[in-house]
C-alpha cells in the first residue's frame, strides 16, 4: 500500500514538470502590410506606369495573410502625408505577396497644361482585408510636361540610302522652356526590338511664313547598308529645362516603317573623255582618259566604241578599274567614236558619257 502511494506521488510530480510553466501571452498582430520601398514610375505620352513589389510581411514582421486592395495616390504636393483621394486601385485578386505589381494612370490634359514645367507625386498604399494600411510607399515624382501625338511617317529609298519623312506635329517645335524634338529610332528587321537604337534627333524650326507653307521634316540614313531591310519609328520628345539640366518625356511612337534599301541608282556619268592617237612603227593605239567618278560604291567603267554610222559596242570584257585605257584594236584611216559609262558594285550602270572621237592616220 505504501509503495503504491509513493509511485502515485512521483507520477504526479513528473506530470507537472512535463507541462512546464506557461510564458507571457503574445500581443495580437496588427496585420498591416509593410509599405513598399521600391516604387518606380515611367511615363510614355499621358500614361504613367507604376511598378512595385507586393509586401510579403506586415509592419510587425509577420507574414501577410490578409492582403486587400492597393490604392494608387497622386498629388501636387512634393511629399504626401496621406492618400486622399486615391486616383486608382488594384484589387486584391490581382496581387500576390512578394510578387511584382503595376498600375497605369492617365494624366489629365488640363493638369499637364496648367503646370507644364511642374511635377506630380505618386505613391501606393497597400491595405489588408479590413481596409487598413501600414502607410504610404516610397514616393516618386513625374514631370507634367505635355506630350505630342505621333507623326504619320512614310519612307522611300534615295541614292543616299533610306529616307523617312513626315509633316510636323502641331506645337512640337524646338523653342521655349518647354520644347519638342523628334527622335528617330532604327533597327534591322531581323533583329529583336531590344536592338533598336536612336540614330538622330530632328528639330522643327518653322519657316518665317510657316502658316502658309506645307513642308516636311526628313532624315536620310546614309549609314544604312544596301540590300538590307530597316525598321524606323519617330517619337516626339518633350524637353523641359529645369535648373542646369533638361528633363525629357516621350510622346507616342509612330507606327513602324519598313524600308528595303534596294540600290537601283547608277553612279554619276563620267565626263571629260579624251582620245589621243599614238603610234610606233610596229604598234598603233588610241589612249583614252576621263575624269574619275567619285561614288563610294563605284566598281569601274565600261568603254563603248563605234565607227561612222554604227551603234556603240562595249569593247572591254572586264570592268575597267581606272579612268584610263588603251585601245590597240584599230586600223589605219578609220575614225572611232568613244563613250564611257560607270558601274557600281551592284551592277547599276550610268548613262554613257558624251562622245569623243579620234582618226587613225593612213
Protein backbone atom coordinates (compact mmCIF):
# COMPACT_ATOMS: atom_id res chain seq x y z
CA UNK A 1 0.00 0.00 0.00
CA UNK A 2 2.84 2.45 0.91
CA UNK A 3 4.63 1.57 -2.30
CA UNK A 4 1.57 2.50 -4.39
CA UNK A 5 1.21 5.93 -2.69
CA UNK A 6 4.89 6.83 -3.38
CA UNK A 7 4.59 5.80 -7.02
CA UNK A 8 1.45 7.87 -7.44
CA UNK A 9 3.07 10.98 -5.98
CA UNK A 10 6.13 10.55 -8.19
CA UNK A 11 3.94 10.25 -11.27
CA UNK A 12 2.09 13.42 -10.40
CA UNK A 13 5.37 15.29 -9.95
CA UNK A 14 6.65 14.16 -13.34
CA UNK A 15 3.38 15.21 -14.99
CA UNK A 16 3.71 18.71 -13.53
CA UNK A 17 7.30 19.00 -14.78
CA UNK A 18 6.23 17.89 -18.29
CA UNK A 19 3.58 20.59 -18.55
CA UNK A 20 6.11 23.42 -17.94
CA UNK A 21 5.48 26.94 -16.87
CA UNK A 22 3.26 28.97 -19.28
CA UNK A 23 5.04 32.07 -20.82
CA UNK A 24 3.73 35.62 -21.21
CA UNK A 25 0.93 35.91 -23.83
CA UNK A 26 1.98 37.31 -27.28
CA UNK A 27 0.28 40.55 -28.44
CA UNK A 28 -2.04 40.13 -31.44
CA UNK A 29 -0.56 41.14 -34.85
CA UNK A 30 -1.91 44.37 -36.36
CA UNK A 31 -1.86 42.66 -39.78
CA UNK A 32 -0.81 45.87 -41.56
CA UNK A 33 1.12 45.20 -44.82
CA UNK A 34 4.57 46.76 -44.87
CA UNK A 35 4.66 49.81 -47.23
CA UNK A 36 6.58 49.06 -50.48
CA UNK A 37 10.01 50.68 -50.64
CA UNK A 38 10.72 50.11 -54.35
CA UNK A 39 8.03 52.12 -56.16
CA UNK A 40 9.13 53.20 -59.67
CA UNK A 41 7.39 55.29 -62.33
CA UNK A 42 7.83 55.56 -66.11
CA UNK A 43 5.93 57.93 -68.36
CA UNK A 44 5.02 57.49 -72.05
CA UNK A 45 2.67 60.03 -73.58
CA UNK A 46 -0.02 60.76 -70.98
CA UNK A 47 0.37 57.30 -69.39
CA UNK A 48 2.31 56.82 -66.15
CA UNK A 49 3.14 53.20 -65.29
CA UNK A 50 3.88 52.45 -61.64
CA UNK A 51 5.63 49.23 -60.56
CA UNK A 52 6.37 47.89 -57.08
CA UNK A 53 6.74 44.65 -55.12
CA UNK A 54 3.73 43.50 -53.10
CA UNK A 55 4.83 43.21 -49.44
CA UNK A 56 5.21 39.71 -48.01
CA UNK A 57 5.46 40.89 -44.38
CA UNK A 58 3.40 43.03 -42.06
CA UNK A 59 4.77 46.01 -40.16
CA UNK A 60 5.42 43.75 -37.15
CA UNK A 61 7.38 41.20 -39.29
CA UNK A 62 4.63 38.60 -39.53
CA UNK A 63 3.70 37.01 -42.86
CA UNK A 64 0.97 38.80 -44.78
CA UNK A 65 -2.12 36.59 -44.72
CA UNK A 66 -4.99 39.00 -45.34
CA UNK A 67 -3.96 41.10 -48.34
CA UNK A 68 -6.50 43.66 -49.51
CA UNK A 69 -6.59 46.14 -52.37
CA UNK A 70 -3.80 48.64 -53.09
CA UNK A 71 -4.71 52.30 -53.51
CA UNK A 72 -2.86 54.46 -56.04
CA UNK A 73 -2.19 58.01 -54.86
CA UNK A 74 -1.37 61.12 -56.92
CA UNK A 75 -0.82 64.60 -55.51
CA UNK A 76 0.50 68.04 -56.47
CA UNK A 77 2.36 68.08 -53.15
CA UNK A 78 6.08 67.36 -53.16
CA UNK A 79 5.56 64.87 -50.33
CA UNK A 80 2.20 63.29 -49.42
CA UNK A 81 1.22 62.62 -45.83
CA UNK A 82 -1.84 60.58 -46.77
CA UNK A 83 -3.52 59.05 -49.79
CA UNK A 84 -6.52 61.30 -50.24
CA UNK A 85 -8.08 61.00 -52.66
CA UNK A 86 -6.87 57.90 -54.50
CA UNK A 87 -6.79 58.04 -58.31
CA UNK A 88 -6.98 54.28 -58.77
CA UNK A 89 -7.00 50.90 -57.10
CA UNK A 90 -5.52 47.47 -57.78
CA UNK A 91 -7.89 44.74 -56.46
CA UNK A 92 -6.54 42.05 -54.15
CA UNK A 93 -7.31 39.40 -56.80
CA UNK A 94 -4.51 40.88 -58.96
CA UNK A 95 -1.93 40.92 -56.15
CA UNK A 96 0.29 38.24 -54.72
CA UNK A 97 2.57 38.70 -51.71
CA UNK A 98 6.22 39.02 -52.71
CA UNK A 99 5.43 39.39 -56.45
CA UNK A 100 5.65 42.44 -58.77
CA UNK A 101 2.57 44.62 -59.28
CA UNK A 102 1.79 47.50 -61.62
CA UNK A 103 -0.79 50.16 -62.38
CA UNK A 104 -1.09 52.62 -65.29
CA UNK A 105 -2.52 56.06 -64.62
CA UNK A 106 -3.63 58.58 -67.27
CA UNK A 107 -2.60 62.19 -66.62
CA UNK A 108 -5.50 64.59 -67.27
CA UNK A 109 -4.73 67.04 -70.13
CA UNK A 110 -5.66 70.07 -68.02
CA UNK A 111 -3.17 69.01 -65.33
CA UNK A 112 -0.39 68.98 -67.94
CA UNK A 113 -1.41 72.33 -69.44
CA UNK A 114 -1.79 74.13 -66.10
CA UNK A 115 1.74 73.35 -64.91
CA UNK A 116 3.83 72.21 -67.91
CA UNK A 117 7.15 72.72 -66.11
CA UNK A 118 5.98 71.12 -62.85
CA UNK A 119 5.78 67.59 -61.46
CA UNK A 120 3.24 65.38 -59.71
CA UNK A 121 3.86 62.88 -56.91
CA UNK A 122 2.81 59.22 -56.83
CA UNK A 123 2.65 56.66 -54.03
CA UNK A 124 0.75 53.43 -53.33
CA UNK A 125 -0.92 52.27 -50.15
CA UNK A 126 -1.26 48.51 -49.57
CA UNK A 127 -4.26 47.60 -47.43
CA UNK A 128 -5.38 44.49 -45.56
CA UNK A 129 -8.83 42.99 -45.95
CA UNK A 130 -10.18 45.41 -43.32
CA UNK A 131 -9.09 48.41 -45.39
CA UNK A 132 -6.21 49.36 -43.08
CA UNK A 133 -2.67 50.13 -44.29
CA UNK A 134 0.77 50.44 -42.75
CA UNK A 135 1.46 53.74 -44.54
CA UNK A 136 2.46 55.09 -47.92
CA UNK A 137 5.13 53.57 -50.10
CA UNK A 138 8.22 55.46 -51.21
CA UNK A 139 7.10 58.42 -53.30
CA UNK A 140 8.16 59.27 -56.86
CA UNK A 141 7.94 62.49 -58.88
CA UNK A 142 6.82 62.54 -62.52
CA UNK A 143 7.05 65.50 -64.96
CA UNK A 144 3.76 67.07 -66.05
CA UNK A 145 5.11 68.36 -69.38
CA UNK A 146 2.53 67.94 -72.17
CA UNK A 147 3.47 65.39 -74.83
CA UNK A 148 2.60 65.23 -78.52
CA UNK A 149 0.92 62.67 -80.77
CA UNK A 150 2.94 60.55 -83.16
CA UNK A 151 3.54 61.89 -86.67
CA UNK A 152 2.46 59.97 -89.76
CA UNK A 153 5.80 58.72 -91.11
CA UNK A 154 6.50 57.49 -94.64
CA UNK A 155 9.62 56.07 -96.25
CA UNK A 156 11.43 55.95 -99.58
CA UNK A 157 14.81 55.00 -100.99
CA UNK A 158 17.15 57.63 -102.41
CA UNK A 159 20.64 57.42 -103.93
CA UNK A 160 21.94 58.25 -100.44
CA UNK A 161 20.09 55.46 -98.66
CA UNK A 162 16.69 55.07 -96.94
CA UNK A 163 14.84 58.30 -96.18
CA UNK A 164 11.91 58.79 -93.82
CA UNK A 165 9.74 61.91 -93.86
CA UNK A 166 6.75 63.33 -92.04
CA UNK A 167 4.79 66.52 -91.60
CA UNK A 168 5.29 68.47 -88.36
CA UNK A 169 3.01 67.83 -85.41
CA UNK A 170 1.25 70.99 -84.24
CA UNK A 171 3.11 72.54 -81.31
CA UNK A 172 6.18 70.26 -81.44
CA UNK A 173 8.84 72.91 -82.06
CA UNK A 174 12.36 73.31 -80.73
CA UNK A 175 11.84 76.62 -78.95
CA UNK A 176 10.96 77.79 -75.44
CA UNK A 177 11.32 76.43 -71.91
CA UNK A 178 9.05 73.55 -72.91
CA UNK A 179 10.28 72.47 -76.35
CA UNK A 180 9.93 69.42 -78.55
CA UNK A 181 12.17 67.37 -80.83
CA UNK A 182 11.64 64.25 -82.95
CA UNK A 183 13.77 61.22 -82.11
CA UNK A 184 14.34 58.72 -84.92
CA UNK A 185 14.91 55.07 -84.00
CA UNK A 186 16.18 52.32 -86.28
CA UNK A 187 16.82 48.57 -86.22
CA UNK A 188 17.36 45.82 -88.76
CA UNK A 189 14.13 43.98 -89.50
CA UNK A 190 15.53 40.60 -88.42
CA UNK A 191 16.78 41.96 -85.09
CA UNK A 192 14.86 41.88 -81.81
CA UNK A 193 13.08 45.13 -80.75
CA UNK A 194 15.64 45.48 -77.95
CA UNK A 195 18.31 46.10 -80.61
CA UNK A 196 16.61 49.31 -81.70
CA UNK A 197 18.75 52.43 -81.32
CA UNK A 198 18.15 56.17 -81.55
CA UNK A 199 20.09 57.49 -84.55
CA UNK A 200 19.12 61.15 -84.81
CA UNK A 201 17.20 63.98 -83.16
CA UNK A 202 15.39 66.27 -85.59
CA UNK A 203 14.32 69.77 -84.54
CA UNK A 204 11.48 71.59 -86.26
CA UNK A 205 12.29 75.26 -86.71
CA UNK A 206 9.32 76.54 -88.73
CA UNK A 207 9.95 78.97 -91.59
CA UNK A 208 9.00 82.59 -91.06
CA UNK A 209 5.81 82.12 -93.08
CA UNK A 210 5.12 78.59 -91.76
CA UNK A 211 1.39 79.25 -91.53
CA UNK A 212 1.25 79.40 -95.31
CA UNK A 213 3.84 76.73 -96.13
CA UNK A 214 3.33 72.99 -96.28
CA UNK A 215 6.71 71.44 -95.52
CA UNK A 216 8.19 68.11 -94.46
CA UNK A 217 10.77 67.01 -91.95
CA UNK A 218 13.03 64.19 -93.09
CA UNK A 219 16.08 62.10 -92.33
CA UNK A 220 18.34 60.44 -94.90
CA UNK A 221 20.05 57.42 -93.35
CA UNK A 222 23.35 57.43 -95.22
CA UNK A 223 24.86 54.92 -92.78
CA UNK A 224 22.42 52.17 -93.79
CA UNK A 225 23.73 49.27 -95.86
CA UNK A 226 22.29 48.45 -99.25
CA UNK A 227 20.08 45.38 -99.69
CA UNK A 228 19.07 45.29 -96.02
CA UNK A 229 15.61 46.00 -94.58
CA UNK A 230 15.36 48.55 -91.79
CA UNK A 231 12.51 49.42 -89.42
CA UNK A 232 12.14 53.07 -88.40
CA UNK A 233 9.89 54.90 -85.97
CA UNK A 234 9.71 58.52 -84.84
CA UNK A 235 8.86 59.72 -81.32
CA UNK A 236 8.14 63.33 -80.30
CA UNK A 237 10.18 64.17 -77.19
CA UNK A 238 9.09 67.00 -74.88
CA UNK A 239 12.05 68.71 -73.24
CA UNK A 240 11.70 70.82 -70.10
CA UNK A 241 14.55 72.99 -68.84
CA UNK A 242 14.97 72.50 -65.08
CA UNK A 243 17.89 74.22 -63.38
CA UNK A 244 21.07 73.24 -65.21
CA UNK A 245 19.52 70.14 -66.77
CA UNK A 246 16.81 69.04 -69.14
CA UNK A 247 14.00 66.55 -68.42
CA UNK A 248 12.73 64.54 -71.40
CA UNK A 249 9.27 62.96 -71.71
CA UNK A 250 8.43 60.65 -74.62
CA UNK A 251 5.27 61.14 -76.63
CA UNK A 252 3.56 58.43 -78.65
CA UNK A 253 5.58 56.36 -81.12
CA UNK A 254 4.76 56.49 -84.80
CA UNK A 255 3.77 53.19 -86.43
CA UNK A 256 6.92 51.39 -87.66
CA UNK A 257 8.01 51.98 -91.25
CA UNK A 258 9.92 49.24 -93.12
CA UNK A 259 12.32 50.21 -95.91
CA UNK A 260 14.28 47.81 -98.08
CA UNK A 261 17.47 49.64 -99.01
CA UNK A 262 17.49 48.28 -102.56
CA UNK A 263 20.03 50.01 -104.75
CA UNK A 264 18.70 50.81 -108.21
CA UNK A 265 20.69 54.02 -108.54
CA UNK A 266 23.57 54.16 -111.04
CA UNK A 267 26.77 56.10 -110.42
CA UNK A 268 27.39 59.52 -111.91
CA UNK A 269 28.00 59.77 -115.64
CA UNK A 270 31.71 60.05 -116.50
CA UNK A 271 32.83 63.33 -118.04
CA UNK A 272 35.84 64.83 -119.78
CA UNK A 273 36.53 61.86 -122.06
CA UNK A 274 39.55 62.43 -124.32
CA UNK A 275 41.04 60.22 -127.07
CA UNK A 276 44.60 60.62 -128.38
CA UNK A 277 46.23 58.58 -131.15
CA UNK A 278 49.75 57.31 -130.54
CA UNK A 279 51.78 55.01 -132.72
CA UNK A 280 55.08 53.35 -133.20
CA UNK A 281 56.32 51.54 -136.26
CA UNK A 282 55.09 48.17 -135.05
CA UNK A 283 52.21 49.26 -132.76
CA UNK A 284 49.45 51.82 -133.07
CA UNK A 285 46.81 52.64 -130.43
CA UNK A 286 44.45 55.26 -129.06
CA UNK A 287 44.79 56.30 -125.41
CA UNK A 288 41.58 57.31 -123.59
CA UNK A 289 41.26 59.21 -120.32
CA UNK A 290 38.36 60.79 -118.36
CA UNK A 291 37.59 62.43 -115.06
CA UNK A 292 37.18 59.84 -112.29
CA UNK A 293 33.71 59.19 -110.82
CA UNK A 294 33.76 59.64 -107.02
CA UNK A 295 30.76 57.50 -105.98
CA UNK A 296 31.66 55.43 -102.90
CA UNK A 297 30.26 52.21 -104.40
CA UNK A 298 31.96 52.58 -107.80
CA UNK A 299 33.12 49.25 -109.26
CA UNK A 300 34.62 50.58 -112.51
CA UNK A 301 33.87 51.65 -116.07
CA UNK A 302 32.69 50.33 -119.42
CA UNK A 303 34.15 51.63 -122.70
CA UNK A 304 31.97 51.90 -125.81
CA UNK A 305 33.23 52.41 -129.34
CA UNK A 306 31.64 52.86 -132.73
CA UNK A 307 32.55 53.81 -136.28
CA UNK A 308 30.73 56.26 -138.50
CA UNK A 309 27.04 55.29 -138.88
CA UNK A 310 27.26 52.31 -136.46
CA UNK A 311 25.86 51.74 -132.96
CA UNK A 312 28.20 51.83 -129.93
CA UNK A 313 29.58 48.45 -128.79
CA UNK A 314 31.18 47.72 -125.42
CA UNK A 315 34.75 46.66 -126.10
CA UNK A 316 36.00 45.76 -122.60
CA UNK A 317 35.46 42.18 -121.37
CA UNK A 318 36.09 43.11 -117.72
CA UNK A 319 35.24 46.27 -115.81
CA UNK A 320 37.92 48.92 -116.24
CA UNK A 321 39.21 49.87 -112.78
CA UNK A 322 40.97 53.17 -113.59
CA UNK A 323 39.87 56.25 -115.59
CA UNK A 324 42.27 55.44 -118.40
CA UNK A 325 42.54 52.68 -121.02
CA UNK A 326 44.35 51.95 -124.29
CA UNK A 327 42.56 50.73 -127.43
CA UNK A 328 45.01 48.80 -129.64
CA UNK A 329 42.44 47.20 -131.93
CA UNK A 330 42.41 49.93 -134.55
CA UNK A 331 43.04 50.18 -138.29
CA UNK A 332 44.61 52.94 -140.41
CA UNK A 333 42.30 55.58 -141.82
CA UNK A 334 39.36 54.79 -139.51
CA UNK A 335 37.65 57.30 -137.27
CA UNK A 336 36.49 55.97 -133.88
CA UNK A 337 33.88 57.45 -131.55
CA UNK A 338 34.19 56.64 -127.82
CA UNK A 339 31.95 56.99 -124.77
CA UNK A 340 32.31 55.75 -121.17
CA UNK A 341 29.80 54.60 -118.50
CA UNK A 342 30.28 53.98 -114.78
CA UNK A 343 29.20 50.77 -112.98
CA UNK A 344 28.62 50.30 -109.23
CA UNK A 345 29.16 47.25 -107.02
CA UNK A 346 25.60 46.02 -107.62
CA UNK A 347 25.81 46.27 -111.40
CA UNK A 348 23.90 49.53 -111.82
CA UNK A 349 25.28 51.29 -114.90
CA UNK A 350 25.17 55.00 -115.62
CA UNK A 351 24.28 56.56 -118.93
CA UNK A 352 27.10 56.91 -121.45
CA UNK A 353 29.25 60.00 -121.42
CA UNK A 354 29.35 62.48 -124.27
CA UNK A 355 31.29 61.02 -127.20
CA UNK A 356 34.79 61.92 -128.23
CA UNK A 357 36.45 60.85 -131.48
CA UNK A 358 39.88 60.26 -132.95
CA UNK A 359 41.07 59.48 -136.50
CA UNK A 360 43.81 56.95 -137.13
CA UNK A 361 46.27 58.16 -139.76
CA UNK A 362 46.69 56.15 -143.01
